[in-house]
Amino acid sequence: LEPKDGFPKAKAAAMKALSLDQQLAEAHTSLANILTSYEWDFK
C-alpha cells in the first residue's frame, strides 16, 4: 500500500487504541513503529 495511504491509517488506529487505553503496551509499540518507519521521529 502506498506509505502515504497506509501509515496515516495506521497512526489513526494507534491513536484510537491509546485514547481507549493509555496503558496498552501494544498501542505504544504500534505508535513507536510508525514514528520510526514513517515519521522518522526517532526521539
PDB file of all heavy atoms in Angstrom:
ATOM      1  N   LEU A   1       0.905  -1.141   0.000  1.00  0.00           N
ATOM      2  CA  LEU A   1       0.000   0.000   0.000  1.00  0.00           C
ATOM      3  C   LEU A   1       0.943   1.190   0.000  1.00  0.00           C
ATOM      4  O   LEU A   1       1.998   1.136   0.636  1.00  0.00           O
ATOM      5  CB  LEU A   1      -0.819  -0.038   1.303  1.00  0.00           C
ATOM      6  CG  LEU A   1      -2.042   0.856   1.449  1.00  0.00           C
ATOM      7  CD1 LEU A   1      -3.095   0.492   0.406  1.00  0.00           C
ATOM      8  CD2 LEU A   1      -2.645   0.673   2.843  1.00  0.00           C
ATOM      9  N   GLU A   2       0.598   2.242  -0.749  1.00  0.00           N
ATOM     10  CA  GLU A   2       1.435   3.443  -0.721  1.00  0.00           C
ATOM     11  C   GLU A   2       1.638   3.855   0.738  1.00  0.00           C
ATOM     12  O   GLU A   2       0.655   3.971   1.482  1.00  0.00           O
ATOM     13  CB  GLU A   2       0.733   4.582  -1.461  1.00  0.00           C
ATOM     14  CG  GLU A   2       0.807   4.479  -2.961  1.00  0.00           C
ATOM     15  CD  GLU A   2       2.204   4.751  -3.491  1.00  0.00           C
ATOM     16  OE1 GLU A   2       2.938   5.578  -2.908  1.00  0.00           O
ATOM     17  OE2 GLU A   2       2.564   4.112  -4.481  1.00  0.00           O
ATOM     18  N   PRO A   3       2.894   4.076   1.175  1.00  0.00           N
ATOM     19  CA  PRO A   3       3.110   4.503   2.559  1.00  0.00           C
ATOM     20  C   PRO A   3       2.229   5.695   2.957  1.00  0.00           C
ATOM     21  O   PRO A   3       1.697   5.732   4.062  1.00  0.00           O
ATOM     22  CB  PRO A   3       4.594   4.850   2.594  1.00  0.00           C
ATOM     23  CG  PRO A   3       5.195   3.948   1.561  1.00  0.00           C
ATOM     24  CD  PRO A   3       4.159   3.851   0.466  1.00  0.00           C
ATOM     25  N   LYS A   4       2.015   6.652   2.036  1.00  0.00           N
ATOM     26  CA  LYS A   4       1.189   7.821   2.361  1.00  0.00           C
ATOM     27  C   LYS A   4      -0.279   7.440   2.583  1.00  0.00           C
ATOM     28  O   LYS A   4      -1.048   8.229   3.141  1.00  0.00           O
ATOM     29  CB  LYS A   4       1.318   8.906   1.290  1.00  0.00           C
ATOM     30  CG  LYS A   4       0.758   8.539  -0.069  1.00  0.00           C
ATOM     31  CD  LYS A   4       0.914   9.704  -1.047  1.00  0.00           C
ATOM     32  CE  LYS A   4       0.573   9.362  -2.474  1.00  0.00           C
ATOM     33  NZ  LYS A   4      -0.623   8.562  -2.698  1.00  0.00           N
ATOM     34  N   ASP A   5      -0.688   6.260   2.153  1.00  0.00           N
ATOM     35  CA  ASP A   5      -2.047   5.766   2.421  1.00  0.00           C
ATOM     36  C   ASP A   5      -2.072   4.874   3.661  1.00  0.00           C
ATOM     37  O   ASP A   5      -2.983   4.967   4.478  1.00  0.00           O
ATOM     38  CB  ASP A   5      -2.584   4.975   1.217  1.00  0.00           C
ATOM     39  CG  ASP A   5      -2.703   5.842  -0.027  1.00  0.00           C
ATOM     40  OD1 ASP A   5      -2.968   7.058   0.117  1.00  0.00           O
ATOM     41  OD2 ASP A   5      -2.511   5.319  -1.136  1.00  0.00           O
ATOM     42  N   GLY A   6      -1.078   4.003   3.782  1.00  0.00           N
ATOM     43  CA  GLY A   6      -1.065   3.037   4.880  1.00  0.00           C
ATOM     44  C   GLY A   6      -0.761   3.653   6.243  1.00  0.00           C
ATOM     45  O   GLY A   6      -1.468   3.384   7.217  1.00  0.00           O
ATOM     46  N   PHE A   7       0.269   4.484   6.297  1.00  0.00           N
ATOM     47  CA  PHE A   7       0.730   4.960   7.609  1.00  0.00           C
ATOM     48  C   PHE A   7      -0.228   5.919   8.316  1.00  0.00           C
ATOM     49  O   PHE A   7      -0.404   5.808   9.527  1.00  0.00           O
ATOM     50  CB  PHE A   7       2.147   5.520   7.519  1.00  0.00           C
ATOM     51  CG  PHE A   7       3.194   4.444   7.518  1.00  0.00           C
ATOM     52  CD1 PHE A   7       3.777   4.006   6.334  1.00  0.00           C
ATOM     53  CD2 PHE A   7       3.577   3.822   8.702  1.00  0.00           C
ATOM     54  CE1 PHE A   7       4.725   2.991   6.331  1.00  0.00           C
ATOM     55  CE2 PHE A   7       4.525   2.800   8.713  1.00  0.00           C
ATOM     56  CZ  PHE A   7       5.095   2.387   7.516  1.00  0.00           C
ATOM     57  N   PRO A   8      -0.877   6.851   7.599  1.00  0.00           N
ATOM     58  CA  PRO A   8      -1.865   7.687   8.310  1.00  0.00           C
ATOM     59  C   PRO A   8      -3.014   6.857   8.890  1.00  0.00           C
ATOM     60  O   PRO A   8      -3.483   7.150  10.000  1.00  0.00           O
ATOM     61  CB  PRO A   8      -2.335   8.656   7.222  1.00  0.00           C
ATOM     62  CG  PRO A   8      -1.163   8.748   6.283  1.00  0.00           C
ATOM     63  CD  PRO A   8      -0.604   7.350   6.248  1.00  0.00           C
ATOM     64  N   LYS A   9      -3.457   5.815   8.167  1.00  0.00           N
ATOM     65  CA  LYS A   9      -4.490   4.916   8.714  1.00  0.00           C
ATOM     66  C   LYS A   9      -3.950   4.196   9.944  1.00  0.00           C
ATOM     67  O   LYS A   9      -4.662   4.023  10.936  1.00  0.00           O
ATOM     68  CB  LYS A   9      -4.905   3.871   7.669  1.00  0.00           C
ATOM     69  CG  LYS A   9      -5.830   4.410   6.616  1.00  0.00           C
ATOM     70  CD  LYS A   9      -6.265   3.307   5.667  1.00  0.00           C
ATOM     71  CE  LYS A   9      -7.208   3.856   4.625  1.00  0.00           C
ATOM     72  NZ  LYS A   9      -7.424   2.935   3.523  1.00  0.00           N
ATOM     73  N   ALA A  10      -2.699   3.783   9.863  1.00  0.00           N
ATOM     74  CA  ALA A  10      -2.054   3.099  10.990  1.00  0.00           C
ATOM     75  C   ALA A  10      -2.014   4.036  12.201  1.00  0.00           C
ATOM     76  O   ALA A  10      -2.353   3.634  13.319  1.00  0.00           O
ATOM     77  CB  ALA A  10      -0.644   2.659  10.611  1.00  0.00           C
ATOM     78  N   LYS A  11      -1.614   5.283  11.968  1.00  0.00           N
ATOM     79  CA  LYS A  11      -1.482   6.220  13.083  1.00  0.00           C
ATOM     80  C   LYS A  11      -2.836   6.512  13.713  1.00  0.00           C
ATOM     81  O   LYS A  11      -2.962   6.565  14.949  1.00  0.00           O
ATOM     82  CB  LYS A  11      -0.805   7.521  12.650  1.00  0.00           C
ATOM     83  CG  LYS A  11      -0.512   8.395  13.871  1.00  0.00           C
ATOM     84  CD  LYS A  11       0.489   9.468  13.613  1.00  0.00           C
ATOM     85  CE  LYS A  11       0.912  10.119  14.923  1.00  0.00           C
ATOM     86  NZ  LYS A  11       1.790  11.270  14.677  1.00  0.00           N
ATOM     87  N   ALA A  12      -3.864   6.687  12.885  1.00  0.00           N
ATOM     88  CA  ALA A  12      -5.208   6.946  13.413  1.00  0.00           C
ATOM     89  C   ALA A  12      -5.652   5.785  14.313  1.00  0.00           C
ATOM     90  O   ALA A  12      -6.200   6.009  15.400  1.00  0.00           O
ATOM     91  CB  ALA A  12      -6.195   7.152  12.264  1.00  0.00           C
ATOM     92  N   ALA A  13      -5.380   4.552  13.880  1.00  0.00           N
ATOM     93  CA  ALA A  13      -5.770   3.376  14.673  1.00  0.00           C
ATOM     94  C   ALA A  13      -4.964   3.297  15.970  1.00  0.00           C
ATOM     95  O   ALA A  13      -5.509   2.985  17.035  1.00  0.00           O
ATOM     96  CB  ALA A  13      -5.603   2.099  13.848  1.00  0.00           C
ATOM     97  N   ALA A  14      -3.665   3.605  15.901  1.00  0.00           N
ATOM     98  CA  ALA A  14      -2.813   3.580  17.104  1.00  0.00           C
ATOM     99  C   ALA A  14      -3.287   4.631  18.111  1.00  0.00           C
ATOM    100  O   ALA A  14      -3.366   4.364  19.315  1.00  0.00           O
ATOM    101  CB  ALA A  14      -1.350   3.816  16.730  1.00  0.00           C
ATOM    102  N   MET A  15      -3.611   5.827  17.614  1.00  0.00           N
ATOM    103  CA  MET A  15      -4.067   6.901  18.495  1.00  0.00           C
ATOM    104  C   MET A  15      -5.422   6.551  19.121  1.00  0.00           C
ATOM    105  O   MET A  15      -5.673   6.852  20.283  1.00  0.00           O
ATOM    106  CB  MET A  15      -4.144   8.235  17.752  1.00  0.00           C
ATOM    107  CG  MET A  15      -2.800   8.752  17.217  1.00  0.00           C
ATOM    108  SD  MET A  15      -1.414   8.659  18.396  1.00  0.00           S
ATOM    109  CE  MET A  15      -1.821  10.069  19.434  1.00  0.00           C
ATOM    110  N   LYS A  16      -6.284   5.884  18.349  1.00  0.00           N
ATOM    111  CA  LYS A  16      -7.577   5.447  18.874  1.00  0.00           C
ATOM    112  C   LYS A  16      -7.342   4.417  19.993  1.00  0.00           C
ATOM    113  O   LYS A  16      -7.973   4.495  21.055  1.00  0.00           O
ATOM    114  CB  LYS A  16      -8.420   4.857  17.738  1.00  0.00           C
ATOM    115  CG  LYS A  16      -9.741   4.273  18.164  1.00  0.00           C
ATOM    116  CD  LYS A  16     -10.758   5.331  18.537  1.00  0.00           C
ATOM    117  CE  LYS A  16     -12.100   4.694  18.851  1.00  0.00           C
ATOM    118  NZ  LYS A  16     -13.056   5.643  19.406  1.00  0.00           N
ATOM    119  N   ALA A  17      -6.432   3.478  19.753  1.00  0.00           N
ATOM    120  CA  ALA A  17      -6.116   2.476  20.781  1.00  0.00           C
ATOM    121  C   ALA A  17      -5.636   3.158  22.057  1.00  0.00           C
ATOM    122  O   ALA A  17      -6.081   2.824  23.159  1.00  0.00           O
ATOM    123  CB  ALA A  17      -5.057   1.499  20.264  1.00  0.00           C
ATOM    124  N   LEU A  18      -4.750   4.142  21.920  1.00  0.00           N
ATOM    125  CA  LEU A  18      -4.215   4.854  23.092  1.00  0.00           C
ATOM    126  C   LEU A  18      -5.285   5.688  23.784  1.00  0.00           C
ATOM    127  O   LEU A  18      -5.276   5.811  25.012  1.00  0.00           O
ATOM    128  CB  LEU A  18      -3.024   5.728  22.693  1.00  0.00           C
ATOM    129  CG  LEU A  18      -1.727   4.952  22.429  1.00  0.00           C
ATOM    130  CD1 LEU A  18      -0.691   5.849  21.771  1.00  0.00           C
ATOM    131  CD2 LEU A  18      -1.172   4.345  23.723  1.00  0.00           C
ATOM    132  N   SER A  19      -6.217   6.231  23.007  1.00  0.00           N
ATOM    133  CA  SER A  19      -7.292   7.017  23.635  1.00  0.00           C
ATOM    134  C   SER A  19      -8.199   6.096  24.462  1.00  0.00           C
ATOM    135  O   SER A  19      -8.782   6.525  25.445  1.00  0.00           O
ATOM    136  CB  SER A  19      -8.100   7.784  22.591  1.00  0.00           C
ATOM    137  OG  SER A  19      -8.967   6.911  21.890  1.00  0.00           O
ATOM    138  N   LEU A  20      -8.299   4.827  24.053  1.00  0.00           N
ATOM    139  CA  LEU A  20      -9.117   3.850  24.786  1.00  0.00           C
ATOM    140  C   LEU A  20      -8.370   3.265  25.983  1.00  0.00           C
ATOM    141  O   LEU A  20      -8.971   2.923  26.985  1.00  0.00           O
ATOM    142  CB  LEU A  20      -9.561   2.721  23.854  1.00  0.00           C
ATOM    143  CG  LEU A  20     -10.564   3.114  22.765  1.00  0.00           C
ATOM    144  CD1 LEU A  20     -10.653   2.028  21.702  1.00  0.00           C
ATOM    145  CD2 LEU A  20     -11.935   3.392  23.377  1.00  0.00           C
ATOM    146  N   ASP A  21      -7.050   3.114  25.829  1.00  0.00           N
ATOM    147  CA  ASP A  21      -6.249   2.504  26.904  1.00  0.00           C
ATOM    148  C   ASP A  21      -4.815   3.001  26.843  1.00  0.00           C
ATOM    149  O   ASP A  21      -3.997   2.505  26.066  1.00  0.00           O
ATOM    150  CB  ASP A  21      -6.292   0.974  26.779  1.00  0.00           C
ATOM    151  CG  ASP A  21      -5.564   0.274  27.923  1.00  0.00           C
ATOM    152  OD1 ASP A  21      -4.957   0.959  28.772  1.00  0.00           O
ATOM    153  OD2 ASP A  21      -5.600  -0.974  27.964  1.00  0.00           O
ATOM    154  N   GLN A  22      -4.529   3.986  27.696  1.00  0.00           N
ATOM    155  CA  GLN A  22      -3.202   4.621  27.753  1.00  0.00           C
ATOM    156  C   GLN A  22      -2.122   3.649  28.249  1.00  0.00           C
ATOM    157  O   GLN A  22      -0.944   3.886  28.049  1.00  0.00           O
ATOM    158  CB  GLN A  22      -3.320   5.837  28.693  1.00  0.00           C
ATOM    159  CG  GLN A  22      -2.236   6.853  28.578  1.00  0.00           C
ATOM    160  CD  GLN A  22      -2.021   7.431  27.180  1.00  0.00           C
ATOM    161  OE1 GLN A  22      -2.935   7.878  26.518  1.00  0.00           O
ATOM    162  NE2 GLN A  22      -0.785   7.404  26.719  1.00  0.00           N
ATOM    163  N   GLN A  23      -2.545   2.548  28.880  1.00  0.00           N
ATOM    164  CA  GLN A  23      -1.597   1.592  29.481  1.00  0.00           C
ATOM    165  C   GLN A  23      -1.328   0.379  28.579  1.00  0.00           C
ATOM    166  O   GLN A  23      -0.736  -0.601  29.019  1.00  0.00           O
ATOM    167  CB  GLN A  23      -2.137   1.084  30.827  1.00  0.00           C
ATOM    168  CG  GLN A  23      -2.395   2.178  31.852  1.00  0.00           C
ATOM    169  CD  GLN A  23      -1.152   2.986  32.146  1.00  0.00           C
ATOM    170  OE1 GLN A  23      -0.119   2.435  32.511  1.00  0.00           O
ATOM    171  NE2 GLN A  23      -1.220   4.295  31.969  1.00  0.00           N
ATOM    172  N   LEU A  24      -1.787   0.436  27.337  1.00  0.00           N
ATOM    173  CA  LEU A  24      -1.676  -0.723  26.445  1.00  0.00           C
ATOM    174  C   LEU A  24      -0.326  -0.742  25.733  1.00  0.00           C
ATOM    175  O   LEU A  24      -0.066   0.086  24.846  1.00  0.00           O
ATOM    176  CB  LEU A  24      -2.825  -0.705  25.430  1.00  0.00           C
ATOM    177  CG  LEU A  24      -2.962  -1.947  24.556  1.00  0.00           C
ATOM    178  CD1 LEU A  24      -3.323  -3.179  25.381  1.00  0.00           C
ATOM    179  CD2 LEU A  24      -4.007  -1.709  23.466  1.00  0.00           C
ATOM    180  N   ALA A  25       0.519  -1.684  26.111  1.00  0.00           N
ATOM    181  CA  ALA A  25       1.864  -1.791  25.531  1.00  0.00           C
ATOM    182  C   ALA A  25       1.811  -1.928  24.011  1.00  0.00           C
ATOM    183  O   ALA A  25       2.622  -1.337  23.298  1.00  0.00           O
ATOM    184  CB  ALA A  25       2.593  -2.988  26.138  1.00  0.00           C
ATOM    185  N   GLU A  26       0.856  -2.718  23.521  1.00  0.00           N
ATOM    186  CA  GLU A  26       0.745  -2.941  22.071  1.00  0.00           C
ATOM    187  C   GLU A  26       0.515  -1.624  21.326  1.00  0.00           C
ATOM    188  O   GLU A  26       1.070  -1.418  20.247  1.00  0.00           O
ATOM    189  CB  GLU A  26      -0.391  -3.923  21.763  1.00  0.00           C
ATOM    190  CG  GLU A  26      -0.094  -5.353  22.146  1.00  0.00           C
ATOM    191  CD  GLU A  26      -0.381  -5.694  23.603  1.00  0.00           C
ATOM    192  OE1 GLU A  26      -0.636  -4.770  24.426  1.00  0.00           O
ATOM    193  OE2 GLU A  26      -0.354  -6.892  23.936  1.00  0.00           O
ATOM    194  N   ALA A  27      -0.303  -0.741  21.901  1.00  0.00           N
ATOM    195  CA  ALA A  27      -0.598   0.536  21.249  1.00  0.00           C
ATOM    196  C   ALA A  27       0.639   1.448  21.234  1.00  0.00           C
ATOM    197  O   ALA A  27       0.919   2.106  20.232  1.00  0.00           O
ATOM    198  CB  ALA A  27      -1.773   1.226  21.937  1.00  0.00           C
ATOM    199  N   HIS A  28       1.382   1.483  22.327  1.00  0.00           N
ATOM    200  CA  HIS A  28       2.628   2.269  22.359  1.00  0.00           C
ATOM    201  C   HIS A  28       3.636   1.709  21.355  1.00  0.00           C
ATOM    202  O   HIS A  28       4.355   2.465  20.706  1.00  0.00           O
ATOM    203  CB  HIS A  28       3.217   2.296  23.775  1.00  0.00           C
ATOM    204  CG  HIS A  28       2.445   3.153  24.724  1.00  0.00           C
ATOM    205  ND1 HIS A  28       2.504   4.536  24.715  1.00  0.00           N
ATOM    206  CD2 HIS A  28       1.559   2.827  25.703  1.00  0.00           C
ATOM    207  CE1 HIS A  28       1.706   5.024  25.653  1.00  0.00           C
ATOM    208  NE2 HIS A  28       1.111   4.011  26.264  1.00  0.00           N
ATOM    209  N   THR A  29       3.660   0.387  21.226  1.00  0.00           N
ATOM    210  CA  THR A  29       4.559  -0.264  20.265  1.00  0.00           C
ATOM    211  C   THR A  29       4.161   0.097  18.835  1.00  0.00           C
ATOM    212  O   THR A  29       5.019   0.411  18.000  1.00  0.00           O
ATOM    213  CB  THR A  29       4.526  -1.792  20.459  1.00  0.00           C
ATOM    214  OG1 THR A  29       4.908  -2.094  21.808  1.00  0.00           O
ATOM    215  CG2 THR A  29       5.478  -2.497  19.507  1.00  0.00           C
ATOM    216  N   SER A  30       2.860   0.046  18.561  1.00  0.00           N
ATOM    217  CA  SER A  30       2.357   0.409  17.223  1.00  0.00           C
ATOM    218  C   SER A  30       2.776   1.833  16.877  1.00  0.00           C
ATOM    219  O   SER A  30       3.280   2.100  15.780  1.00  0.00           O
ATOM    220  CB  SER A  30       0.832   0.322  17.173  1.00  0.00           C
ATOM    221  OG  SER A  30       0.375  -0.968  17.483  1.00  0.00           O
ATOM    222  N   LEU A  31       2.562   2.754  17.815  1.00  0.00           N
ATOM    223  CA  LEU A  31       2.910   4.156  17.585  1.00  0.00           C
ATOM    224  C   LEU A  31       4.417   4.309  17.380  1.00  0.00           C
ATOM    225  O   LEU A  31       4.859   5.012  16.464  1.00  0.00           O
ATOM    226  CB  LEU A  31       2.427   5.022  18.752  1.00  0.00           C
ATOM    227  CG  LEU A  31       2.735   6.521  18.618  1.00  0.00           C
ATOM    228  CD1 LEU A  31       2.143   7.116  17.345  1.00  0.00           C
ATOM    229  CD2 LEU A  31       2.228   7.273  19.848  1.00  0.00           C
ATOM    230  N   ALA A  32       5.210   3.644  18.200  1.00  0.00           N
ATOM    231  CA  ALA A  32       6.677   3.717  18.081  1.00  0.00           C
ATOM    232  C   ALA A  32       7.132   3.248  16.699  1.00  0.00           C
ATOM    233  O   ALA A  32       8.015   3.861  16.085  1.00  0.00           O
ATOM    234  CB  ALA A  32       7.331   2.873  19.169  1.00  0.00           C
ATOM    235  N   ASN A  33       6.520   2.184  16.204  1.00  0.00           N
ATOM    236  CA  ASN A  33       6.863   1.660  14.879  1.00  0.00           C
ATOM    237  C   ASN A  33       6.555   2.688  13.792  1.00  0.00           C
ATOM    238  O   ASN A  33       7.362   2.900  12.878  1.00  0.00           O
ATOM    239  CB  ASN A  33       6.088   0.358  14.636  1.00  0.00           C
ATOM    240  CG  ASN A  33       6.347  -0.221  13.263  1.00  0.00           C
ATOM    241  OD1 ASN A  33       7.490  -0.296  12.809  1.00  0.00           O
ATOM    242  ND2 ASN A  33       5.287  -0.631  12.592  1.00  0.00           N
ATOM    243  N   ILE A  34       5.407   3.353  13.890  1.00  0.00           N
ATOM    244  CA  ILE A  34       5.015   4.372  12.909  1.00  0.00           C
ATOM    245  C   ILE A  34       5.968   5.570  12.982  1.00  0.00           C
ATOM    246  O   ILE A  34       6.420   6.093  11.960  1.00  0.00           O
ATOM    247  CB  ILE A  34       3.551   4.813  13.161  1.00  0.00           C
ATOM    248  CG1 ILE A  34       2.598   3.639  12.896  1.00  0.00           C
ATOM    249  CG2 ILE A  34       3.188   6.031  12.310  1.00  0.00           C
ATOM    250  CD1 ILE A  34       1.241   3.765  13.579  1.00  0.00           C
ATOM    251  N   LEU A  35       6.301   5.991  14.210  1.00  0.00           N
ATOM    252  CA  LEU A  35       7.228   7.123  14.388  1.00  0.00           C
ATOM    253  C   LEU A  35       8.597   6.798  13.790  1.00  0.00           C
ATOM    254  O   LEU A  35       9.258   7.674  13.240  1.00  0.00           O
ATOM    255  CB  LEU A  35       7.369   7.457  15.873  1.00  0.00           C
ATOM    256  CG  LEU A  35       6.129   8.057  16.547  1.00  0.00           C
ATOM    257  CD1 LEU A  35       6.317   8.113  18.063  1.00  0.00           C
ATOM    258  CD2 LEU A  35       5.810   9.444  15.993  1.00  0.00           C
ATOM    259  N   THR A  36       9.016   5.520  13.884  1.00  0.00           N
ATOM    260  CA  THR A  36      10.308   5.101  13.331  1.00  0.00           C
ATOM    261  C   THR A  36      10.249   4.992  11.814  1.00  0.00           C
ATOM    262  O   THR A  36      11.048   5.597  11.098  1.00  0.00           O
ATOM    263  CB  THR A  36      10.720   3.717  13.890  1.00  0.00           C
ATOM    264  OG1 THR A  36      10.767   3.772  15.308  1.00  0.00           O
ATOM    265  CG2 THR A  36      12.094   3.294  13.372  1.00  0.00           C
ATOM    266  N   SER A  37       9.300   4.205  11.320  1.00  0.00           N
ATOM    267  CA  SER A  37       9.299   3.808   9.906  1.00  0.00           C
ATOM    268  C   SER A  37       8.793   4.889   8.964  1.00  0.00           C
ATOM    269  O   SER A  37       9.169   4.901   7.798  1.00  0.00           O
ATOM    270  CB  SER A  37       8.420   2.576   9.704  1.00  0.00           C
ATOM    271  OG  SER A  37       8.825   1.546  10.557  1.00  0.00           O
ATOM    272  N   TYR A  38       7.916   5.752   9.442  1.00  0.00           N
ATOM    273  CA  TYR A  38       7.273   6.695   8.529  1.00  0.00           C
ATOM    274  C   TYR A  38       7.592   8.145   8.870  1.00  0.00           C
ATOM    275  O   TYR A  38       7.873   8.941   7.991  1.00  0.00           O
ATOM    276  CB  TYR A  38       5.762   6.475   8.549  1.00  0.00           C
ATOM    277  CG  TYR A  38       5.010   7.305   7.537  1.00  0.00           C
ATOM    278  CD1 TYR A  38       5.210   7.106   6.166  1.00  0.00           C
ATOM    279  CD2 TYR A  38       4.105   8.278   7.944  1.00  0.00           C
ATOM    280  CE1 TYR A  38       4.519   7.859   5.237  1.00  0.00           C
ATOM    281  CE2 TYR A  38       3.403   9.035   7.011  1.00  0.00           C
ATOM    282  CZ  TYR A  38       3.607   8.831   5.660  1.00  0.00           C
ATOM    283  OH  TYR A  38       2.928   9.578   4.735  1.00  0.00           O
ATOM    284  N   GLU A  39       7.565   8.471  10.152  1.00  0.00           N
ATOM    285  CA  GLU A  39       7.748   9.875  10.540  1.00  0.00           C
ATOM    286  C   GLU A  39       9.205  10.209  10.862  1.00  0.00           C
ATOM    287  O   GLU A  39       9.552  11.370  11.014  1.00  0.00           O
ATOM    288  CB  GLU A  39       6.827  10.225  11.717  1.00  0.00           C
ATOM    289  CG  GLU A  39       5.362  10.064  11.319  1.00  0.00           C
ATOM    290  CD  GLU A  39       4.375  10.574  12.352  1.00  0.00           C
ATOM    291  OE1 GLU A  39       4.789  11.230  13.322  1.00  0.00           O
ATOM    292  OE2 GLU A  39       3.184  10.307  12.165  1.00  0.00           O
ATOM    293  N   TRP A  40      10.040   9.202  10.969  1.00  0.00           N
ATOM    294  CA  TRP A  40      11.473   9.389  11.288  1.00  0.00           C
ATOM    295  C   TRP A  40      11.666  10.237  12.546  1.00  0.00           C
ATOM    296  O   TRP A  40      12.609  11.013  12.644  1.00  0.00           O
ATOM    297  CB  TRP A  40      12.214  10.010  10.088  1.00  0.00           C
ATOM    298  CG  TRP A  40      12.163   9.129   8.879  1.00  0.00           C
ATOM    299  CD1 TRP A  40      11.067   8.818   8.121  1.00  0.00           C
ATOM    300  CD2 TRP A  40      13.231   8.373   8.311  1.00  0.00           C
ATOM    301  NE1 TRP A  40      11.392   7.938   7.129  1.00  0.00           N
ATOM    302  CE2 TRP A  40      12.717   7.650   7.211  1.00  0.00           C
ATOM    303  CE3 TRP A  40      14.593   8.242   8.632  1.00  0.00           C
ATOM    304  CZ2 TRP A  40      13.489   6.805   6.431  1.00  0.00           C
ATOM    305  CZ3 TRP A  40      15.368   7.406   7.837  1.00  0.00           C
ATOM    306  CH2 TRP A  40      14.820   6.695   6.743  1.00  0.00           C
ATOM    307  N   ASP A  41      10.764  10.069  13.486  1.00  0.00           N
ATOM    308  CA  ASP A  41      10.835  10.815  14.747  1.00  0.00           C
ATOM    309  C   ASP A  41      11.458   9.876  15.783  1.00  0.00           C
ATOM    310  O   ASP A  41      10.767   9.257  16.586  1.00  0.00           O
ATOM    311  CB  ASP A  41       9.415  11.249  15.158  1.00  0.00           C
ATOM    312  CG  ASP A  41       9.405  12.042  16.464  1.00  0.00           C
ATOM    313  OD1 ASP A  41      10.453  12.112  17.148  1.00  0.00           O
ATOM    314  OD2 ASP A  41       8.335  12.574  16.802  1.00  0.00           O
ATOM    315  N   PHE A  42      12.785   9.768  15.702  1.00  0.00           N
ATOM    316  CA  PHE A  42      13.482   8.751  16.491  1.00  0.00           C
ATOM    317  C   PHE A  42      13.418   9.000  17.989  1.00  0.00           C
ATOM    318  O   PHE A  42      13.345   8.066  18.778  1.00  0.00           O
ATOM    319  CB  PHE A  42      14.937   8.619  16.027  1.00  0.00           C
ATOM    320  CG  PHE A  42      15.045   8.041  14.632  1.00  0.00           C
ATOM    321  CD1 PHE A  42      15.837   8.644  13.680  1.00  0.00           C
ATOM    322  CD2 PHE A  42      14.335   6.903  14.284  1.00  0.00           C
ATOM    323  CE1 PHE A  42      15.927   8.117  12.388  1.00  0.00           C
ATOM    324  CE2 PHE A  42      14.426   6.365  13.007  1.00  0.00           C
ATOM    325  CZ  PHE A  42      15.221   6.976  12.058  1.00  0.00           C
ATOM    326  N   LYS A  43      13.428  10.276  18.382  1.00  0.00           N
ATOM    327  CA  LYS A  43      13.419  10.593  19.815  1.00  0.00           C
ATOM    328  C   LYS A  43      12.112  10.106  20.455  1.00  0.00           C
ATOM    329  O   LYS A  43      12.130   9.398  21.462  1.00  0.00           O
ATOM    330  CB  LYS A  43      13.612  12.105  19.997  1.00  0.00           C
ATOM    331  CG  LYS A  43      13.974  12.491  21.423  1.00  0.00           C
ATOM    332  CD  LYS A  43      14.373  13.953  21.485  1.00  0.00           C
ATOM    333  CE  LYS A  43      13.465  14.778  22.168  1.00  0.00           C
ATOM    334  NZ  LYS A  43      12.378  15.286  22.517  1.00  0.00           N
TER     335      LYS A  43
END
